[in-house]
PDB file of N, CA and C in Angstrom:
ATOM      1  N   MET A   1     -38.529 -13.560   3.128  1.00  0.00           N
ATOM      2  CA  MET A   1     -38.433 -12.360   3.948  1.00  0.00           C
ATOM      3  C   MET A   1     -39.346 -11.297   3.322  1.00  0.00           C
ATOM      4  N   ASP A   2     -40.192 -10.714   4.123  1.00  0.00           N
ATOM      5  CA  ASP A   2     -41.080  -9.691   3.605  1.00  0.00           C
ATOM      6  C   ASP A   2     -40.464  -8.299   3.798  1.00  0.00           C
ATOM      7  N   ILE A   3     -41.096  -7.302   3.233  1.00  0.00           N
ATOM      8  CA  ILE A   3     -40.553  -5.940   3.242  1.00  0.00           C
ATOM      9  C   ILE A   3     -40.527  -5.345   4.653  1.00  0.00           C
ATOM     10  N   MET A   4     -41.509  -5.697   5.489  1.00  0.00           N
ATOM     11  CA  MET A   4     -41.535  -5.168   6.848  1.00  0.00           C
ATOM     12  C   MET A   4     -40.337  -5.686   7.653  1.00  0.00           C
ATOM     13  N   SER A   5     -40.004  -6.953   7.483  1.00  0.00           N
ATOM     14  CA  SER A   5     -38.831  -7.516   8.159  1.00  0.00           C
ATOM     15  C   SER A   5     -37.564  -6.817   7.715  1.00  0.00           C
ATOM     16  N   LEU A   6     -37.455  -6.560   6.427  1.00  0.00           N
ATOM     17  CA  LEU A   6     -36.274  -5.879   5.895  1.00  0.00           C
ATOM     18  C   LEU A   6     -36.151  -4.470   6.451  1.00  0.00           C
ATOM     19  N   ILE A   7     -37.242  -3.749   6.524  1.00  0.00           N
ATOM     20  CA  ILE A   7     -37.220  -2.379   7.052  1.00  0.00           C
ATOM     21  C   ILE A   7     -36.820  -2.385   8.528  1.00  0.00           C
ATOM     22  N   VAL A   8     -37.376  -3.309   9.298  1.00  0.00           N
ATOM     23  CA  VAL A   8     -37.023  -3.406  10.718  1.00  0.00           C
ATOM     24  C   VAL A   8     -35.543  -3.708  10.872  1.00  0.00           C
ATOM     25  N   GLN A   9     -35.021  -4.622  10.068  1.00  0.00           N
ATOM     26  CA  GLN A   9     -33.616  -4.988  10.157  1.00  0.00           C
ATOM     27  C   GLN A   9     -32.704  -3.820   9.788  1.00  0.00           C
ATOM     28  N   LEU A  10     -33.062  -3.065   8.774  1.00  0.00           N
ATOM     29  CA  LEU A  10     -32.225  -1.942   8.354  1.00  0.00           C
ATOM     30  C   LEU A  10     -32.231  -0.819   9.386  1.00  0.00           C
ATOM     31  N   ILE A  11     -33.398  -0.521   9.938  1.00  0.00           N
ATOM     32  CA  ILE A  11     -33.482   0.536  10.963  1.00  0.00           C
ATOM     33  C   ILE A  11     -32.743   0.110  12.224  1.00  0.00           C
ATOM     34  N   ALA A  12     -32.961  -1.124  12.651  1.00  0.00           N
ATOM     35  CA  ALA A  12     -32.267  -1.605  13.853  1.00  0.00           C
ATOM     36  C   ALA A  12     -30.763  -1.660  13.627  1.00  0.00           C
ATOM     37  N   GLY A  13     -30.345  -2.006  12.424  1.00  0.00           N
ATOM     38  CA  GLY A  13     -28.921  -2.011  12.108  1.00  0.00           C
ATOM     39  C   GLY A  13     -28.322  -0.623  12.184  1.00  0.00           C
ATOM     40  N   ALA A  14     -29.045   0.382  11.663  1.00  0.00           N
ATOM     41  CA  ALA A  14     -28.559   1.764  11.730  1.00  0.00           C
ATOM     42  C   ALA A  14     -28.448   2.237  13.171  1.00  0.00           C
ATOM     43  N   VAL A  15     -29.432   1.922  13.980  1.00  0.00           N
ATOM     44  CA  VAL A  15     -29.387   2.293  15.400  1.00  0.00           C
ATOM     45  C   VAL A  15     -28.227   1.583  16.086  1.00  0.00           C
ATOM     46  N   GLY A  16     -28.072   0.289  15.813  1.00  0.00           N
ATOM     47  CA  GLY A  16     -26.968  -0.472  16.395  1.00  0.00           C
ATOM     48  C   GLY A  16     -25.615   0.060  15.968  1.00  0.00           C
ATOM     49  N   GLY A  17     -25.495   0.472  14.708  1.00  0.00           N
ATOM     50  CA  GLY A  17     -24.245   1.048  14.231  1.00  0.00           C
ATOM     51  C   GLY A  17     -23.891   2.336  14.940  1.00  0.00           C
ATOM     52  N   ASN A  18     -24.873   3.174  15.199  1.00  0.00           N
ATOM     53  CA  ASN A  18     -24.619   4.418  15.909  1.00  0.00           C
ATOM     54  C   ASN A  18     -24.316   4.188  17.384  1.00  0.00           C
ATOM     55  N   ILE A  19     -24.958   3.216  17.989  1.00  0.00           N
ATOM     56  CA  ILE A  19     -24.639   2.875  19.378  1.00  0.00           C
ATOM     57  C   ILE A  19     -23.214   2.334  19.469  1.00  0.00           C
ATOM     58  N   GLY A  20     -22.849   1.468  18.527  1.00  0.00           N
ATOM     59  CA  GLY A  20     -21.492   0.942  18.500  1.00  0.00           C
ATOM     60  C   GLY A  20     -20.461   2.039  18.302  1.00  0.00           C
ATOM     61  N   GLY A  21     -20.762   3.007  17.436  1.00  0.00           N
ATOM     62  CA  GLY A  21     -19.851   4.131  17.226  1.00  0.00           C
ATOM     63  C   GLY A  21     -19.734   5.023  18.444  1.00  0.00           C
ATOM     64  N   ALA A  22     -20.820   5.165  19.188  1.00  0.00           N
ATOM     65  CA  ALA A  22     -20.776   5.982  20.403  1.00  0.00           C
ATOM     66  C   ALA A  22     -19.988   5.285  21.515  1.00  0.00           C
ATOM     67  N   LEU A  23     -20.094   3.965  21.580  1.00  0.00           N
ATOM     68  CA  LEU A  23     -19.380   3.224  22.614  1.00  0.00           C
ATOM     69  C   LEU A  23     -17.889   3.095  22.309  1.00  0.00           C
ATOM     70  N   LEU A  24     -17.553   2.959  21.036  1.00  0.00           N
ATOM     71  CA  LEU A  24     -16.161   2.797  20.619  1.00  0.00           C
ATOM     72  C   LEU A  24     -15.747   4.007  19.781  1.00  0.00           C
ATOM     73  N   LYS A  25     -15.528   5.117  20.432  1.00  0.00           N
ATOM     74  CA  LYS A  25     -15.283   6.376  19.743  1.00  0.00           C
ATOM     75  C   LYS A  25     -14.071   6.334  18.813  1.00  0.00           C
ATOM     76  N   GLN A  26     -13.042   5.536  19.138  1.00  0.00           N
ATOM     77  CA  GLN A  26     -11.866   5.481  18.287  1.00  0.00           C
ATOM     78  C   GLN A  26     -12.166   4.819  16.938  1.00  0.00           C
ATOM     79  N   TYR A  27     -13.258   4.063  16.840  1.00  0.00           N
ATOM     80  CA  TYR A  27     -13.659   3.407  15.594  1.00  0.00           C
ATOM     81  C   TYR A  27     -14.873   4.061  14.941  1.00  0.00           C
ATOM     82  N   SER A  28     -15.332   5.166  15.483  1.00  0.00           N
ATOM     83  CA  SER A  28     -16.515   5.826  14.961  1.00  0.00           C
ATOM     84  C   SER A  28     -16.255   6.384  13.569  1.00  0.00           C
ATOM     85  N   LEU A  29     -17.214   6.250  12.702  1.00  0.00           N
ATOM     86  CA  LEU A  29     -17.147   6.770  11.340  1.00  0.00           C
ATOM     87  C   LEU A  29     -17.987   8.029  11.174  1.00  0.00           C
ATOM     88  N   GLY A  30     -18.485   8.568  12.266  1.00  0.00           N
ATOM     89  CA  GLY A  30     -19.431   9.674  12.196  1.00  0.00           C
ATOM     90  C   GLY A  30     -20.842   9.122  12.081  1.00  0.00           C
ATOM     91  N   THR A  31     -21.806   9.991  12.213  1.00  0.00           N
ATOM     92  CA  THR A  31     -23.201   9.542  12.208  1.00  0.00           C
ATOM     93  C   THR A  31     -23.590   8.858  10.895  1.00  0.00           C
ATOM     94  N   VAL A  32     -23.231   9.473   9.786  1.00  0.00           N
ATOM     95  CA  VAL A  32     -23.616   8.896   8.490  1.00  0.00           C
ATOM     96  C   VAL A  32     -22.865   7.593   8.246  1.00  0.00           C
ATOM     97  N   GLY A  33     -21.578   7.574   8.522  1.00  0.00           N
ATOM     98  CA  GLY A  33     -20.791   6.355   8.321  1.00  0.00           C
ATOM     99  C   GLY A  33     -21.241   5.221   9.214  1.00  0.00           C
ATOM    100  N   ASN A  34     -21.512   5.538  10.486  1.00  0.00           N
ATOM    101  CA  ASN A  34     -22.005   4.506  11.409  1.00  0.00           C
ATOM    102  C   ASN A  34     -23.361   3.978  10.963  1.00  0.00           C
ATOM    103  N   SER A  35     -24.215   4.871  10.462  1.00  0.00           N
ATOM    104  CA  SER A  35     -25.536   4.441   9.989  1.00  0.00           C
ATOM    105  C   SER A  35     -25.416   3.519   8.785  1.00  0.00           C
ATOM    106  N   ILE A  36     -24.555   3.893   7.833  1.00  0.00           N
ATOM    107  CA  ILE A  36     -24.380   3.060   6.636  1.00  0.00           C
ATOM    108  C   ILE A  36     -23.796   1.705   7.002  1.00  0.00           C
ATOM    109  N   ALA A  37     -22.762   1.700   7.855  1.00  0.00           N
ATOM    110  CA  ALA A  37     -22.166   0.429   8.281  1.00  0.00           C
ATOM    111  C   ALA A  37     -23.192  -0.423   9.027  1.00  0.00           C
ATOM    112  N   GLY A  38     -24.014   0.212   9.868  1.00  0.00           N
ATOM    113  CA  GLY A  38     -25.047  -0.516  10.600  1.00  0.00           C
ATOM    114  C   GLY A  38     -26.131  -1.063   9.700  1.00  0.00           C
ATOM    115  N   ILE A  39     -26.523  -0.285   8.689  1.00  0.00           N
ATOM    116  CA  ILE A  39     -27.543  -0.752   7.741  1.00  0.00           C
ATOM    117  C   ILE A  39     -27.032  -1.973   6.987  1.00  0.00           C
ATOM    118  N   VAL A  40     -25.786  -1.907   6.528  1.00  0.00           N
ATOM    119  CA  VAL A  40     -25.210  -3.044   5.814  1.00  0.00           C
ATOM    120  C   VAL A  40     -25.107  -4.250   6.750  1.00  0.00           C
ATOM    121  N   GLY A  41     -24.573  -4.023   7.952  1.00  0.00           N
ATOM    122  CA  GLY A  41     -24.448  -5.126   8.909  1.00  0.00           C
ATOM    123  C   GLY A  41     -25.794  -5.697   9.324  1.00  0.00           C
ATOM    124  N   GLY A  42     -26.771  -4.824   9.539  1.00  0.00           N
ATOM    125  CA  GLY A  42     -28.104  -5.291   9.917  1.00  0.00           C
ATOM    126  C   GLY A  42     -28.785  -6.065   8.807  1.00  0.00           C
ATOM    127  N   GLY A  43     -28.635  -5.600   7.576  1.00  0.00           N
ATOM    128  CA  GLY A  43     -29.231  -6.301   6.441  1.00  0.00           C
ATOM    129  C   GLY A  43     -28.607  -7.663   6.218  1.00  0.00           C
ATOM    130  N   ILE A  44     -27.269  -7.704   6.260  1.00  0.00           N
ATOM    131  CA  ILE A  44     -26.579  -8.978   6.060  1.00  0.00           C
ATOM    132  C   ILE A  44     -26.813  -9.909   7.245  1.00  0.00           C
ATOM    133  N   GLY A  45     -26.750  -9.369   8.457  1.00  0.00           N
ATOM    134  CA  GLY A  45     -27.007 -10.195   9.642  1.00  0.00           C
ATOM    135  C   GLY A  45     -28.412 -10.764   9.646  1.00  0.00           C
ATOM    136  N   GLY A  46     -29.387  -9.967   9.258  1.00  0.00           N
ATOM    137  CA  GLY A  46     -30.760 -10.452   9.177  1.00  0.00           C
ATOM    138  C   GLY A  46     -30.933 -11.509   8.106  1.00  0.00           C
ATOM    139  N   TRP A  47     -30.239 -11.336   6.987  1.00  0.00           N
ATOM    140  CA  TRP A  47     -30.309 -12.315   5.906  1.00  0.00           C
ATOM    141  C   TRP A  47     -29.704 -13.637   6.353  1.00  0.00           C
ATOM    142  N   ILE A  48     -28.545 -13.569   7.038  1.00  0.00           N
ATOM    143  CA  ILE A  48     -27.903 -14.786   7.529  1.00  0.00           C
ATOM    144  C   ILE A  48     -28.778 -15.477   8.569  1.00  0.00           C
ATOM    145  N   LEU A  49     -29.344 -14.699   9.479  1.00  0.00           N
ATOM    146  CA  LEU A  49     -30.213 -15.275  10.503  1.00  0.00           C
ATOM    147  C   LEU A  49     -31.421 -15.959   9.872  1.00  0.00           C
ATOM    148  N   ASN A  50     -32.013 -15.322   8.879  1.00  0.00           N
ATOM    149  CA  ASN A  50     -33.160 -15.907   8.193  1.00  0.00           C
ATOM    150  C   ASN A  50     -32.758 -17.195   7.480  1.00  0.00           C
ATOM    151  N   ALA A  51     -31.566 -17.216   6.885  1.00  0.00           N
ATOM    152  CA  ALA A  51     -31.101 -18.419   6.191  1.00  0.00           C
ATOM    153  C   ALA A  51     -30.838 -19.550   7.183  1.00  0.00           C
ATOM    154  N   MET A  52     -30.296 -19.207   8.349  1.00  0.00           N
ATOM    155  CA  MET A  52     -30.007 -20.235   9.349  1.00  0.00           C
ATOM    156  C   MET A  52     -31.284 -20.803   9.959  1.00  0.00           C
ATOM    157  N   MET A  53     -32.261 -19.939  10.220  1.00  0.00           N
ATOM    158  CA  MET A  53     -33.516 -20.385  10.827  1.00  0.00           C
ATOM    159  C   MET A  53     -34.431 -21.019   9.801  1.00  0.00           C
ATOM    160  N   GLY A  54     -34.261 -20.691   8.553  1.00  0.00           N
ATOM    161  CA  GLY A  54     -35.144 -21.192   7.515  1.00  0.00           C
ATOM    162  C   GLY A  54     -36.334 -20.285   7.359  1.00  0.00           C
ATOM    163  N   GLY A  55     -36.836 -20.170   6.159  1.00  0.00           N
ATOM    164  CA  GLY A  55     -37.964 -19.286   5.891  1.00  0.00           C
ATOM    165  C   GLY A  55     -39.213 -19.670   6.652  1.00  0.00           C
ATOM    166  N   GLY A  56     -39.417 -20.973   6.877  1.00  0.00           N
ATOM    167  CA  GLY A  56     -40.606 -21.425   7.586  1.00  0.00           C
ATOM    168  C   GLY A  56     -40.619 -20.990   9.033  1.00  0.00           C
ATOM    169  N   ALA A  57     -39.462 -20.991   9.669  1.00  0.00           N
ATOM    170  CA  ALA A  57     -39.394 -20.594  11.076  1.00  0.00           C
ATOM    171  C   ALA A  57     -39.661 -19.109  11.218  1.00  0.00           C
ATOM    172  N   ALA A  58     -39.154 -18.327  10.278  1.00  0.00           N
ATOM    173  CA  ALA A  58     -39.384 -16.883  10.343  1.00  0.00           C
ATOM    174  C   ALA A  58     -40.845 -16.560  10.049  1.00  0.00           C
ATOM    175  N   ALA A  59     -41.455 -17.302   9.126  1.00  0.00           N
ATOM    176  CA  ALA A  59     -42.851 -17.039   8.795  1.00  0.00           C
ATOM    177  C   ALA A  59     -43.787 -17.500   9.900  1.00  0.00           C
ATOM    178  N   ALA A  60     -43.376 -18.527  10.639  1.00  0.00           N
ATOM    179  CA  ALA A  60     -44.236 -19.056  11.689  1.00  0.00           C
ATOM    180  C   ALA A  60     -44.363 -18.098  12.860  1.00  0.00           C
ATOM    181  N   SER A  61     -43.308 -17.355  13.126  1.00  0.00           N
ATOM    182  CA  SER A  61     -43.368 -16.407  14.232  1.00  0.00           C
ATOM    183  C   SER A  61     -43.727 -15.043  13.678  1.00  0.00           C
ATOM    184  N   SER A  62     -44.896 -14.562  14.036  1.00  0.00           N
ATOM    185  CA  SER A  62     -45.335 -13.275  13.525  1.00  0.00           C
ATOM    186  C   SER A  62     -45.722 -12.391  14.690  1.00  0.00           C
ATOM    187  N   GLY A  63     -45.918 -11.125  14.401  1.00  0.00           N
ATOM    188  CA  GLY A  63     -46.344 -10.199  15.426  1.00  0.00           C
ATOM    189  C   GLY A  63     -45.188  -9.493  16.094  1.00  0.00           C
ATOM    190  N   MET A  64     -45.454  -8.960  17.291  1.00  0.00           N
ATOM    191  CA  MET A  64     -44.482  -8.134  17.998  1.00  0.00           C
ATOM    192  C   MET A  64     -43.248  -8.929  18.416  1.00  0.00           C
ATOM    193  N   GLY A  65     -43.407 -10.170  18.783  1.00  0.00           N
ATOM    194  CA  GLY A  65     -42.260 -10.992  19.168  1.00  0.00           C
ATOM    195  C   GLY A  65     -41.280 -11.165  18.026  1.00  0.00           C
ATOM    196  N   SER A  66     -41.799 -11.350  16.825  1.00  0.00           N
ATOM    197  CA  SER A  66     -40.954 -11.493  15.651  1.00  0.00           C
ATOM    198  C   SER A  66     -40.213 -10.193  15.353  1.00  0.00           C
ATOM    199  N   ILE A  67     -40.897  -9.082  15.449  1.00  0.00           N
ATOM    200  CA  ILE A  67     -40.274  -7.780  15.190  1.00  0.00           C
ATOM    201  C   ILE A  67     -39.181  -7.500  16.207  1.00  0.00           C
ATOM    202  N   LEU A  68     -39.432  -7.801  17.473  1.00  0.00           N
ATOM    203  CA  LEU A  68     -38.413  -7.584  18.499  1.00  0.00           C
ATOM    204  C   LEU A  68     -37.206  -8.484  18.281  1.00  0.00           C
ATOM    205  N   GLY A  69     -37.443  -9.709  17.905  1.00  0.00           N
ATOM    206  CA  GLY A  69     -36.338 -10.630  17.640  1.00  0.00           C
ATOM    207  C   GLY A  69     -35.502 -10.183  16.462  1.00  0.00           C
ATOM    208  N   GLN A  70     -36.159  -9.733  15.398  1.00  0.00           N
ATOM    209  CA  GLN A  70     -35.443  -9.250  14.223  1.00  0.00           C
ATOM    210  C   GLN A  70     -34.652  -7.998  14.541  1.00  0.00           C
ATOM    211  N   SER A  71     -35.242  -7.088  15.289  1.00  0.00           N
ATOM    212  CA  SER A  71     -34.539  -5.851  15.606  1.00  0.00           C
ATOM    213  C   SER A  71     -33.355  -6.122  16.524  1.00  0.00           C
ATOM    214  N   ARG A  72     -33.495  -7.055  17.444  1.00  0.00           N
ATOM    215  CA  ARG A  72     -32.377  -7.397  18.338  1.00  0.00           C
ATOM    216  C   ARG A  72     -31.232  -7.994  17.530  1.00  0.00           C
ATOM    217  N   ALA A  73     -31.531  -8.911  16.642  1.00  0.00           N
ATOM    218  CA  ALA A  73     -30.492  -9.553  15.829  1.00  0.00           C
ATOM    219  C   ALA A  73     -29.828  -8.549  14.882  1.00  0.00           C
ATOM    220  N   ALA A  74     -30.629  -7.727  14.229  1.00  0.00           N
ATOM    221  CA  ALA A  74     -30.070  -6.753  13.288  1.00  0.00           C
ATOM    222  C   ALA A  74     -29.296  -5.668  14.016  1.00  0.00           C
ATOM    223  N   GLY A  75     -29.779  -5.251  15.176  1.00  0.00           N
ATOM    224  CA  GLY A  75     -29.070  -4.240  15.946  1.00  0.00           C
ATOM    225  C   GLY A  75     -27.715  -4.726  16.406  1.00  0.00           C
ATOM    226  N   SER A  76     -27.655  -5.970  16.833  1.00  0.00           N
ATOM    227  CA  SER A  76     -26.365  -6.497  17.263  1.00  0.00           C
ATOM    228  C   SER A  76     -25.438  -6.692  16.080  1.00  0.00           C
ATOM    229  N   ALA A  77     -25.975  -7.112  14.940  1.00  0.00           N
ATOM    230  CA  ALA A  77     -25.139  -7.237  13.748  1.00  0.00           C
ATOM    231  C   ALA A  77     -24.675  -5.877  13.258  1.00  0.00           C
ATOM    232  N   GLY A  78     -25.535  -4.882  13.366  1.00  0.00           N
ATOM    233  CA  GLY A  78     -25.160  -3.530  12.951  1.00  0.00           C
ATOM    234  C   GLY A  78     -24.117  -2.917  13.841  1.00  0.00           C
ATOM    235  N   SER A  79     -24.178  -3.188  15.119  1.00  0.00           N
ATOM    236  CA  SER A  79     -23.212  -2.597  16.038  1.00  0.00           C
ATOM    237  C   SER A  79     -21.864  -3.286  15.943  1.00  0.00           C
ATOM    238  N   SER A  80     -21.822  -4.510  15.464  1.00  0.00           N
ATOM    239  CA  SER A  80     -20.546  -5.208  15.358  1.00  0.00           C
ATOM    240  C   SER A  80     -19.881  -4.984  14.013  1.00  0.00           C
ATOM    241  N   SER A  81     -20.563  -4.307  13.084  1.00  0.00           N
ATOM    242  CA  SER A  81     -19.944  -4.083  11.782  1.00  0.00           C
ATOM    243  C   SER A  81     -19.054  -2.881  11.782  1.00  0.00           C
TER     244      SER A  81
END
């Protein structure tokens, strides 16, 4: 996993965490709490996804499609944390 993938996953996780907090107000931790929970969820979710797909599969797909896929996976993991 390279640094750009990690940054995309962390940002998408933070966004996903805040969206999840906005949708489920009774579970909201506030902006900072939702961001931290999303960053953790996005980072761990991205790590698990990379482990499941294998490093070769992640390296083979590069460019905008890879970034969108990583952000979608991390955002969903961040919003569910």
